[in-house]
Amino acid sequence: MSLEKYRVTKPISLKKISTKEVEEDAKKKLKKLRKKLSDLQNAMYAEGKFAVLICLQGMDTSGKDSLVREVFKDVNPRGVEVHSFKVPTELELNHDFLWRHYIVLPEKGKMGIFNRTHYENVLVTRVHPNYILNENIPNISKVEDLDDAFYHDRMERINQFENHLVKNGTIVLKFFLNLSKSEQKSRLLRRLNLQEKNWKFSPADLKERKLWDEYQFCYEDAINRTSKENAPWFVIPADDKPTARLRLAEILLEELEKYDFKEPKLSPELLAHLDDFKAQLNNEQ
């Protein structure tokens, strides 16, 4: 099956994209891919030329947390770092909107996962524009100042940010977990019905659910304006969690294998003395 159908290469309409695919034996297939991901990250670390930034976005309950757990569980813990961006702190608000994301970017050889990302700055803040006022931006004093042009300009700043990363060795891959409203309802009810899941529920989830259409518009607009050849978006059907995890892992592997990461070879000088090194160790008293 071609994975290219998930890549956004032209304007999309989320209403026309399926939210559900079911792959037989998805869990078993993912288990095999996890070992390949681990080996790939080890080679990438040894080569030391590239970093990988994996951006995850999706509506509440779309399965971002469990996806991170299941897809990356076999990767060396020192080789993958996860960051989740919530309400900005006072310190973060005293910098530009990309600062808090820039300072936790993955170093070369590592994978970084942004579970909720710099795109929150054109998603949540567009649905709730009053949040922007906390940034104390010059010439922005009231919600009415925040028109479409403001957010489109901010998206262009994001494009420039990602282009800068790519040119300096960071591979940027962005995934939207495309969840249906009916499946979100089922998952929210599950949180309420299962005592061990109650802690995940917040009344705010229901308030945000009422803004479903506004969020879908903002996601669609952001994806269409920021899916670039060097930093693409992939829209993943998310109603079936095992299949969504498998698809993301398949795409991630396919994209990263293009780079053909190579572990560095020992210098001729070291190779010539390997037997000597072995003898030193074997002759230790």
C-alpha atoms as a PDB file:
ATOM      1  CA  MET A   1       0.000   0.000   0.000  1.00  0.00           C
ATOM      2  CA  SER A   2       1.318   3.420  -0.949  1.00  0.00           C
ATOM      3  CA  LEU A   3       1.836   5.728   2.014  1.00  0.00           C
ATOM      4  CA  GLU A   4       1.885   8.800  -0.195  1.00  0.00           C
ATOM      5  CA  LYS A   5      -1.879   9.172   0.067  1.00  0.00           C
ATOM      6  CA  TYR A   6      -1.431  10.402   3.643  1.00  0.00           C
ATOM      7  CA  ARG A   7       0.999  13.178   2.655  1.00  0.00           C
ATOM      8  CA  VAL A   8      -0.511  16.620   2.117  1.00  0.00           C
ATOM      9  CA  THR A   9       0.764  17.893  -1.233  1.00  0.00           C
ATOM     10  CA  LYS A  10      -2.221  20.029  -2.221  1.00  0.00           C
ATOM     11  CA  PRO A  11      -5.084  21.754  -0.382  1.00  0.00           C
ATOM     12  CA  ILE A  12      -7.238  19.304   1.549  1.00  0.00           C
ATOM     13  CA  SER A  13     -10.707  19.278   3.071  1.00  0.00           C
ATOM     14  CA  LEU A  14     -10.756  17.339   6.344  1.00  0.00           C
ATOM     15  CA  LYS A  15     -14.456  16.589   5.859  1.00  0.00           C
ATOM     16  CA  LYS A  16     -13.562  14.569   2.765  1.00  0.00           C
ATOM     17  CA  ILE A  17     -10.820  12.490   4.417  1.00  0.00           C
ATOM     18  CA  SER A  18     -11.673   9.236   6.152  1.00  0.00           C
ATOM     19  CA  THR A  19     -11.023   9.062   9.872  1.00  0.00           C
ATOM     20  CA  LYS A  20     -11.029   5.268  10.076  1.00  0.00           C
ATOM     21  CA  GLU A  21      -8.906   2.486   8.656  1.00  0.00           C
ATOM     22  CA  VAL A  22      -8.560  -0.945  10.212  1.00  0.00           C
ATOM     23  CA  GLU A  23      -5.479  -3.035   9.464  1.00  0.00           C
ATOM     24  CA  GLU A  24      -5.524  -6.701  10.367  1.00  0.00           C
ATOM     25  CA  ASP A  25      -2.821  -7.679  12.887  1.00  0.00           C
ATOM     26  CA  ALA A  26      -1.785  -4.035  13.273  1.00  0.00           C
ATOM     27  CA  LYS A  27      -0.273  -4.655  16.714  1.00  0.00           C
ATOM     28  CA  LYS A  28       1.923  -7.519  15.473  1.00  0.00           C
ATOM     29  CA  LYS A  29       3.050  -5.526  12.455  1.00  0.00           C
ATOM     30  CA  LEU A  30       3.942  -2.547  14.636  1.00  0.00           C
ATOM     31  CA  LYS A  31       6.042  -4.760  16.903  1.00  0.00           C
ATOM     32  CA  LYS A  32       8.240  -5.684  13.925  1.00  0.00           C
ATOM     33  CA  LEU A  33       8.603  -2.072  12.864  1.00  0.00           C
ATOM     34  CA  ARG A  34       9.658  -0.930  16.339  1.00  0.00           C
ATOM     35  CA  LYS A  35      12.907  -2.930  16.084  1.00  0.00           C
ATOM     36  CA  LYS A  36      13.666  -1.281  12.737  1.00  0.00           C
ATOM     37  CA  LEU A  37      13.018   2.143  14.257  1.00  0.00           C
ATOM     38  CA  SER A  38      15.411   1.362  17.081  1.00  0.00           C
ATOM     39  CA  ASP A  39      18.170   0.210  14.704  1.00  0.00           C
ATOM     40  CA  LEU A  40      17.633   3.266  12.535  1.00  0.00           C
ATOM     41  CA  GLN A  41      17.951   5.630  15.488  1.00  0.00           C
ATOM     42  CA  ASN A  42      21.151   3.898  16.608  1.00  0.00           C
ATOM     43  CA  ALA A  43      22.669   4.395  13.151  1.00  0.00           C
ATOM     44  CA  MET A  44      21.505   8.001  13.086  1.00  0.00           C
ATOM     45  CA  TYR A  45      23.105   8.599  16.493  1.00  0.00           C
ATOM     46  CA  ALA A  46      26.390   7.028  15.409  1.00  0.00           C
ATOM     47  CA  GLU A  47      26.478   9.078  12.207  1.00  0.00           C
ATOM     48  CA  GLY A  48      25.704  12.273  14.118  1.00  0.00           C
ATOM     49  CA  LYS A  49      24.571  14.400  11.173  1.00  0.00           C
ATOM     50  CA  PHE A  50      20.807  14.568  11.550  1.00  0.00           C
ATOM     51  CA  ALA A  51      18.124  15.069  14.171  1.00  0.00           C
ATOM     52  CA  VAL A  52      14.454  14.182  13.732  1.00  0.00           C
ATOM     53  CA  LEU A  53      11.533  16.325  14.888  1.00  0.00           C
ATOM     54  CA  ILE A  54       8.199  14.485  14.964  1.00  0.00           C
ATOM     55  CA  CYS A  55       5.209  16.780  15.447  1.00  0.00           C
ATOM     56  CA  LEU A  56       1.910  15.316  16.669  1.00  0.00           C
ATOM     57  CA  GLN A  57      -1.346  17.237  16.573  1.00  0.00           C
ATOM     58  CA  GLY A  58      -4.932  16.147  16.983  1.00  0.00           C
ATOM     59  CA  MET A  59      -8.160  16.830  18.807  1.00  0.00           C
ATOM     60  CA  ASP A  60      -8.503  15.760  22.448  1.00  0.00           C
ATOM     61  CA  THR A  61      -8.585  11.929  22.794  1.00  0.00           C
ATOM     62  CA  SER A  62      -7.017  11.412  19.351  1.00  0.00           C
ATOM     63  CA  GLY A  63      -4.470   9.065  20.931  1.00  0.00           C
ATOM     64  CA  LYS A  64      -1.246  11.049  20.899  1.00  0.00           C
ATOM     65  CA  ASP A  65       0.058   9.860  24.281  1.00  0.00           C
ATOM     66  CA  SER A  66      -0.562   6.161  23.706  1.00  0.00           C
ATOM     67  CA  LEU A  67       0.846   6.436  20.182  1.00  0.00           C
ATOM     68  CA  VAL A  68       4.127   7.787  21.530  1.00  0.00           C
ATOM     69  CA  ARG A  69       4.259   4.981  24.078  1.00  0.00           C
ATOM     70  CA  GLU A  70       3.540   2.183  21.602  1.00  0.00           C
ATOM     71  CA  VAL A  71       5.533   3.348  18.572  1.00  0.00           C
ATOM     72  CA  PHE A  72       8.733   4.388  20.341  1.00  0.00           C
ATOM     73  CA  LYS A  73       8.920   1.904  23.232  1.00  0.00           C
ATOM     74  CA  ASP A  74      11.874   0.012  21.700  1.00  0.00           C
ATOM     75  CA  VAL A  75      13.945   3.086  20.848  1.00  0.00           C
ATOM     76  CA  ASN A  76      16.861   3.718  23.192  1.00  0.00           C
ATOM     77  CA  PRO A  77      15.441   6.055  25.889  1.00  0.00           C
ATOM     78  CA  ARG A  78      18.493   8.268  25.479  1.00  0.00           C
ATOM     79  CA  GLY A  79      17.722   8.578  21.780  1.00  0.00           C
ATOM     80  CA  VAL A  80      14.210   9.997  21.980  1.00  0.00           C
ATOM     81  CA  GLU A  81      12.845  12.969  23.913  1.00  0.00           C
ATOM     82  CA  VAL A  82       9.172  13.926  24.290  1.00  0.00           C
ATOM     83  CA  HIS A  83       7.900  17.430  24.981  1.00  0.00           C
ATOM     84  CA  SER A  84       4.294  18.496  25.453  1.00  0.00           C
ATOM     85  CA  PHE A  85       3.418  22.176  25.302  1.00  0.00           C
ATOM     86  CA  LYS A  86       0.624  23.400  27.516  1.00  0.00           C
ATOM     87  CA  VAL A  87      -0.358  26.901  28.666  1.00  0.00           C
ATOM     88  CA  PRO A  88       2.736  29.139  28.347  1.00  0.00           C
ATOM     89  CA  THR A  89       4.494  30.105  31.566  1.00  0.00           C
ATOM     90  CA  GLU A  90       5.306  33.699  32.484  1.00  0.00           C
ATOM     91  CA  LEU A  91       8.875  33.156  31.324  1.00  0.00           C
ATOM     92  CA  GLU A  92       7.713  31.745  27.988  1.00  0.00           C
ATOM     93  CA  LEU A  93       5.306  34.638  27.457  1.00  0.00           C
ATOM     94  CA  ASN A  94       8.218  37.032  27.856  1.00  0.00           C
ATOM     95  CA  HIS A  95       9.774  35.601  24.675  1.00  0.00           C
ATOM     96  CA  ASP A  96       8.521  35.216  21.116  1.00  0.00           C
ATOM     97  CA  PHE A  97       5.995  32.449  20.490  1.00  0.00           C
ATOM     98  CA  LEU A  98       8.576  30.014  19.051  1.00  0.00           C
ATOM     99  CA  TRP A  99      11.185  30.403  21.799  1.00  0.00           C
ATOM    100  CA  ARG A 100       9.949  27.642  24.095  1.00  0.00           C
ATOM    101  CA  HIS A 101       9.941  25.210  21.178  1.00  0.00           C
ATOM    102  CA  TYR A 102      13.367  26.165  19.913  1.00  0.00           C
ATOM    103  CA  ILE A 103      15.126  25.555  23.231  1.00  0.00           C
ATOM    104  CA  VAL A 104      14.019  21.896  23.404  1.00  0.00           C
ATOM    105  CA  LEU A 105      14.735  20.868  19.816  1.00  0.00           C
ATOM    106  CA  PRO A 106      16.462  17.480  19.464  1.00  0.00           C
ATOM    107  CA  GLU A 107      20.204  17.412  19.121  1.00  0.00           C
ATOM    108  CA  LYS A 108      21.870  15.586  16.244  1.00  0.00           C
ATOM    109  CA  GLY A 109      21.497  11.832  16.535  1.00  0.00           C
ATOM    110  CA  LYS A 110      18.243  12.034  18.489  1.00  0.00           C
ATOM    111  CA  MET A 111      14.524  11.975  17.825  1.00  0.00           C
ATOM    112  CA  GLY A 112      12.407  14.695  19.364  1.00  0.00           C
ATOM    113  CA  ILE A 113       8.650  14.334  19.683  1.00  0.00           C
ATOM    114  CA  PHE A 114       6.468  17.373  20.150  1.00  0.00           C
ATOM    115  CA  ASN A 115       3.175  16.082  21.565  1.00  0.00           C
ATOM    116  CA  ARG A 116       1.199  19.223  20.830  1.00  0.00           C
ATOM    117  CA  THR A 117       3.520  21.573  19.079  1.00  0.00           C
ATOM    118  CA  HIS A 118       4.339  25.081  17.932  1.00  0.00           C
ATOM    119  CA  TYR A 119       1.118  24.811  15.902  1.00  0.00           C
ATOM    120  CA  GLU A 120      -0.873  25.374  19.079  1.00  0.00           C
ATOM    121  CA  ASN A 121       0.042  29.014  18.455  1.00  0.00           C
ATOM    122  CA  VAL A 122      -2.214  29.088  15.380  1.00  0.00           C
ATOM    123  CA  LEU A 123      -4.815  26.580  16.590  1.00  0.00           C
ATOM    124  CA  VAL A 124      -5.833  27.056  20.223  1.00  0.00           C
ATOM    125  CA  THR A 125      -4.982  30.749  20.095  1.00  0.00           C
ATOM    126  CA  ARG A 126      -7.059  31.179  16.956  1.00  0.00           C
ATOM    127  CA  VAL A 127     -10.090  29.524  18.561  1.00  0.00           C
ATOM    128  CA  HIS A 128      -9.416  31.459  21.779  1.00  0.00           C
ATOM    129  CA  PRO A 129      -7.810  34.706  20.544  1.00  0.00           C
ATOM    130  CA  ASN A 130      -7.888  36.259  24.005  1.00  0.00           C
ATOM    131  CA  TYR A 131      -4.916  34.003  24.858  1.00  0.00           C
ATOM    132  CA  ILE A 132      -2.770  36.021  22.461  1.00  0.00           C
ATOM    133  CA  LEU A 133      -3.248  39.152  24.536  1.00  0.00           C
ATOM    134  CA  ASN A 134      -1.074  37.568  27.247  1.00  0.00           C
ATOM    135  CA  GLU A 135       1.886  37.775  24.876  1.00  0.00           C
ATOM    136  CA  ASN A 136       1.949  41.593  25.018  1.00  0.00           C
ATOM    137  CA  ILE A 137       2.669  41.930  21.313  1.00  0.00           C
ATOM    138  CA  PRO A 138       3.217  45.489  20.023  1.00  0.00           C
ATOM    139  CA  ASN A 139       0.163  46.885  18.222  1.00  0.00           C
ATOM    140  CA  ILE A 140      -2.059  44.089  19.543  1.00  0.00           C
ATOM    141  CA  SER A 141      -4.249  45.408  22.334  1.00  0.00           C
ATOM    142  CA  LYS A 142      -7.619  43.766  21.764  1.00  0.00           C
ATOM    143  CA  VAL A 143      -9.074  40.626  20.216  1.00  0.00           C
ATOM    144  CA  GLU A 144     -10.328  42.631  17.247  1.00  0.00           C
ATOM    145  CA  ASP A 145      -6.701  43.201  16.217  1.00  0.00           C
ATOM    146  CA  LEU A 146      -6.289  39.475  15.619  1.00  0.00           C
ATOM    147  CA  ASP A 147      -7.569  38.948  12.087  1.00  0.00           C
ATOM    148  CA  ASP A 148      -6.809  36.154   9.614  1.00  0.00           C
ATOM    149  CA  ALA A 149      -3.783  38.061   8.359  1.00  0.00           C
ATOM    150  CA  PHE A 150      -2.232  37.880  11.834  1.00  0.00           C
ATOM    151  CA  TYR A 151      -2.475  34.089  11.982  1.00  0.00           C
ATOM    152  CA  HIS A 152      -1.406  33.636   8.373  1.00  0.00           C
ATOM    153  CA  ASP A 153       1.666  35.723   9.069  1.00  0.00           C
ATOM    154  CA  ARG A 154       2.377  33.579  12.119  1.00  0.00           C
ATOM    155  CA  MET A 155       2.079  30.453   9.949  1.00  0.00           C
ATOM    156  CA  GLU A 156       4.642  31.929   7.581  1.00  0.00           C
ATOM    157  CA  ARG A 157       6.972  32.464  10.546  1.00  0.00           C
ATOM    158  CA  ILE A 158       6.497  28.758  11.330  1.00  0.00           C
ATOM    159  CA  ASN A 159       7.386  27.858   7.740  1.00  0.00           C
ATOM    160  CA  GLN A 160      10.569  29.883   8.053  1.00  0.00           C
ATOM    161  CA  PHE A 161      11.363  28.281  11.407  1.00  0.00           C
ATOM    162  CA  GLU A 162      10.990  24.766   9.996  1.00  0.00           C
ATOM    163  CA  ASN A 163      12.937  25.617   6.850  1.00  0.00           C
ATOM    164  CA  HIS A 164      15.790  26.856   9.028  1.00  0.00           C
ATOM    165  CA  LEU A 165      15.738  23.589  10.985  1.00  0.00           C
ATOM    166  CA  VAL A 166      15.798  21.459   7.843  1.00  0.00           C
ATOM    167  CA  LYS A 167      18.715  23.379   6.369  1.00  0.00           C
ATOM    168  CA  ASN A 168      20.665  22.723   9.546  1.00  0.00           C
ATOM    169  CA  GLY A 169      20.128  18.976   9.707  1.00  0.00           C
ATOM    170  CA  THR A 170      16.752  18.441  11.400  1.00  0.00           C
ATOM    171  CA  ILE A 171      14.273  16.208   9.584  1.00  0.00           C
ATOM    172  CA  VAL A 172      10.786  17.625  10.225  1.00  0.00           C
ATOM    173  CA  LEU A 173       7.761  15.312   9.929  1.00  0.00           C
ATOM    174  CA  LYS A 174       4.295  16.415  11.040  1.00  0.00           C
ATOM    175  CA  PHE A 175       1.308  14.177  11.743  1.00  0.00           C
ATOM    176  CA  PHE A 176      -2.335  15.124  12.232  1.00  0.00           C
ATOM    177  CA  LEU A 177      -4.349  12.377  13.943  1.00  0.00           C
ATOM    178  CA  ASN A 178      -7.680  12.736  12.178  1.00  0.00           C
ATOM    179  CA  LEU A 179     -10.384  11.758  14.671  1.00  0.00           C
ATOM    180  CA  SER A 180     -14.134  11.765  14.078  1.00  0.00           C
ATOM    181  CA  LYS A 181     -16.455  13.607  16.432  1.00  0.00           C
ATOM    182  CA  SER A 182     -18.403  10.413  17.126  1.00  0.00           C
ATOM    183  CA  GLU A 183     -15.250   8.536  18.124  1.00  0.00           C
ATOM    184  CA  GLN A 184     -14.226  11.381  20.416  1.00  0.00           C
ATOM    185  CA  LYS A 185     -17.608  11.068  22.114  1.00  0.00           C
ATOM    186  CA  SER A 186     -17.017   7.343  22.679  1.00  0.00           C
ATOM    187  CA  ARG A 187     -13.574   7.960  24.147  1.00  0.00           C
ATOM    188  CA  LEU A 188     -14.817  10.703  26.465  1.00  0.00           C
ATOM    189  CA  LEU A 189     -17.614   8.426  27.693  1.00  0.00           C
ATOM    190  CA  ARG A 190     -15.041   5.708  28.310  1.00  0.00           C
ATOM    191  CA  ARG A 191     -13.111   8.091  30.544  1.00  0.00           C
ATOM    192  CA  LEU A 192     -16.280   8.701  32.525  1.00  0.00           C
ATOM    193  CA  ASN A 193     -17.407   5.074  32.688  1.00  0.00           C
ATOM    194  CA  LEU A 194     -14.091   3.506  33.680  1.00  0.00           C
ATOM    195  CA  GLN A 195     -12.960   4.512  37.145  1.00  0.00           C
ATOM    196  CA  GLU A 196      -9.286   4.066  36.292  1.00  0.00           C
ATOM    197  CA  LYS A 197      -9.735   6.530  33.403  1.00  0.00           C
ATOM    198  CA  ASN A 198     -11.667   9.186  35.360  1.00  0.00           C
ATOM    199  CA  TRP A 199      -8.535  11.189  36.075  1.00  0.00           C
ATOM    200  CA  LYS A 200      -8.140  11.914  32.349  1.00  0.00           C
ATOM    201  CA  PHE A 201     -11.497  13.684  32.125  1.00  0.00           C
ATOM    202  CA  SER A 202     -11.947  17.412  32.554  1.00  0.00           C
ATOM    203  CA  PRO A 203     -15.134  19.460  32.142  1.00  0.00           C
ATOM    204  CA  ALA A 204     -13.053  21.624  29.816  1.00  0.00           C
ATOM    205  CA  ASP A 205     -13.077  18.694  27.369  1.00  0.00           C
ATOM    206  CA  LEU A 206     -16.796  19.216  26.832  1.00  0.00           C
ATOM    207  CA  LYS A 207     -16.399  22.976  26.388  1.00  0.00           C
ATOM    208  CA  GLU A 208     -13.729  22.439  23.743  1.00  0.00           C
ATOM    209  CA  ARG A 209     -15.855  19.783  22.034  1.00  0.00           C
ATOM    210  CA  LYS A 210     -18.519  22.403  21.391  1.00  0.00           C
ATOM    211  CA  LEU A 211     -15.904  24.245  19.330  1.00  0.00           C
ATOM    212  CA  TRP A 212     -15.257  21.225  17.090  1.00  0.00           C
ATOM    213  CA  ASP A 213     -16.032  23.007  13.808  1.00  0.00           C
ATOM    214  CA  GLU A 214     -13.826  25.982  14.700  1.00  0.00           C
ATOM    215  CA  TYR A 215     -10.925  23.664  15.459  1.00  0.00           C
ATOM    216  CA  GLN A 216     -11.423  21.701  12.244  1.00  0.00           C
ATOM    217  CA  PHE A 217     -11.309  24.931  10.249  1.00  0.00           C
ATOM    218  CA  CYS A 218      -8.113  26.045  11.986  1.00  0.00           C
ATOM    219  CA  TYR A 219      -6.422  22.671  11.524  1.00  0.00           C
ATOM    220  CA  GLU A 220      -7.335  22.546   7.859  1.00  0.00           C
ATOM    221  CA  ASP A 221      -6.091  26.072   7.215  1.00  0.00           C
ATOM    222  CA  ALA A 222      -2.825  25.511   9.100  1.00  0.00           C
ATOM    223  CA  ILE A 223      -2.119  22.187   7.399  1.00  0.00           C
ATOM    224  CA  ASN A 224      -2.787  23.604   3.948  1.00  0.00           C
ATOM    225  CA  ARG A 225      -0.534  26.618   4.532  1.00  0.00           C
ATOM    226  CA  THR A 226       2.366  24.804   6.196  1.00  0.00           C
ATOM    227  CA  SER A 227       2.683  21.412   4.508  1.00  0.00           C
ATOM    228  CA  LYS A 228       5.895  21.844   2.531  1.00  0.00           C
ATOM    229  CA  GLU A 229       8.083  19.423   0.630  1.00  0.00           C
ATOM    230  CA  ASN A 230      10.839  19.722   3.226  1.00  0.00           C
ATOM    231  CA  ALA A 231       8.454  19.699   6.228  1.00  0.00           C
ATOM    232  CA  PRO A 232       5.343  17.760   5.196  1.00  0.00           C
ATOM    233  CA  TRP A 233       2.105  17.075   7.011  1.00  0.00           C
ATOM    234  CA  PHE A 234       0.595  13.578   7.010  1.00  0.00           C
ATOM    235  CA  VAL A 235      -3.091  13.110   7.850  1.00  0.00           C
ATOM    236  CA  ILE A 236      -3.549   9.807   9.701  1.00  0.00           C
ATOM    237  CA  PRO A 237      -6.993   8.204  10.257  1.00  0.00           C
ATOM    238  CA  ALA A 238      -7.185   7.990  14.056  1.00  0.00           C
ATOM    239  CA  ASP A 239     -10.481   6.283  14.918  1.00  0.00           C
ATOM    240  CA  ASP A 240      -8.705   2.910  15.182  1.00  0.00           C
ATOM    241  CA  LYS A 241      -5.705   3.376  17.465  1.00  0.00           C
ATOM    242  CA  PRO A 242      -3.652   0.276  16.485  1.00  0.00           C
ATOM    243  CA  THR A 243      -3.906   1.143  12.793  1.00  0.00           C
ATOM    244  CA  ALA A 244      -3.074   4.810  13.389  1.00  0.00           C
ATOM    245  CA  ARG A 245       0.079   3.802  15.287  1.00  0.00           C
ATOM    246  CA  LEU A 246       1.089   1.407  12.534  1.00  0.00           C
ATOM    247  CA  ARG A 247       0.577   3.992   9.796  1.00  0.00           C
ATOM    248  CA  LEU A 248       2.668   6.588  11.565  1.00  0.00           C
ATOM    249  CA  ALA A 249       5.467   4.070  12.150  1.00  0.00           C
ATOM    250  CA  GLU A 250       5.366   2.984   8.498  1.00  0.00           C
ATOM    251  CA  ILE A 251       5.563   6.567   7.261  1.00  0.00           C
ATOM    252  CA  LEU A 252       8.313   7.437   9.717  1.00  0.00           C
ATOM    253  CA  LEU A 253      10.433   4.487   8.620  1.00  0.00           C
ATOM    254  CA  GLU A 254       9.845   5.131   4.929  1.00  0.00           C
ATOM    255  CA  GLU A 255      10.832   8.783   5.284  1.00  0.00           C
ATOM    256  CA  LEU A 256      13.910   8.187   7.423  1.00  0.00           C
ATOM    257  CA  GLU A 257      15.232   5.287   5.351  1.00  0.00           C
ATOM    258  CA  LYS A 258      15.669   7.770   2.496  1.00  0.00           C
ATOM    259  CA  TYR A 259      18.633   9.210   4.388  1.00  0.00           C
ATOM    260  CA  ASP A 260      20.530   5.919   4.499  1.00  0.00           C
ATOM    261  CA  PHE A 261      22.157   6.623   7.864  1.00  0.00           C
ATOM    262  CA  LYS A 262      25.590   4.987   8.146  1.00  0.00           C
ATOM    263  CA  GLU A 263      27.602   4.126  11.223  1.00  0.00           C
ATOM    264  CA  PRO A 264      31.113   5.613  10.852  1.00  0.00           C
ATOM    265  CA  LYS A 265      33.973   3.247  10.048  1.00  0.00           C
ATOM    266  CA  LEU A 266      37.082   3.012  12.183  1.00  0.00           C
ATOM    267  CA  SER A 267      40.163   4.743  10.850  1.00  0.00           C
ATOM    268  CA  PRO A 268      42.859   2.581   9.171  1.00  0.00           C
ATOM    269  CA  GLU A 269      45.133   3.326  12.137  1.00  0.00           C
ATOM    270  CA  LEU A 270      42.653   1.879  14.640  1.00  0.00           C
ATOM    271  CA  LEU A 271      41.796  -1.088  12.418  1.00  0.00           C
ATOM    272  CA  ALA A 272      45.484  -1.957  12.169  1.00  0.00           C
ATOM    273  CA  HIS A 273      45.729  -2.237  15.961  1.00  0.00           C
ATOM    274  CA  LEU A 274      42.501  -4.094  16.756  1.00  0.00           C
ATOM    275  CA  ASP A 275      44.345  -7.303  17.527  1.00  0.00           C
ATOM    276  CA  ASP A 276      46.648  -5.409  19.881  1.00  0.00           C
ATOM    277  CA  PHE A 277      43.681  -3.942  21.746  1.00  0.00           C
ATOM    278  CA  LYS A 278      42.092  -7.375  22.065  1.00  0.00           C
ATOM    279  CA  ALA A 279      45.335  -8.827  23.374  1.00  0.00           C
ATOM    280  CA  GLN A 280      45.641  -6.113  26.000  1.00  0.00           C
ATOM    281  CA  LEU A 281      42.182  -6.900  27.318  1.00  0.00           C
ATOM    282  CA  ASN A 282      42.632 -10.659  27.183  1.00  0.00           C
ATOM    283  CA  ASN A 283      45.981 -10.474  29.007  1.00  0.00           C
ATOM    284  CA  GLU A 284      44.675  -8.425  31.911  1.00  0.00           C
ATOM    285  CA  GLN A 285      45.494  -9.999  35.257  1.00  0.00           C
END
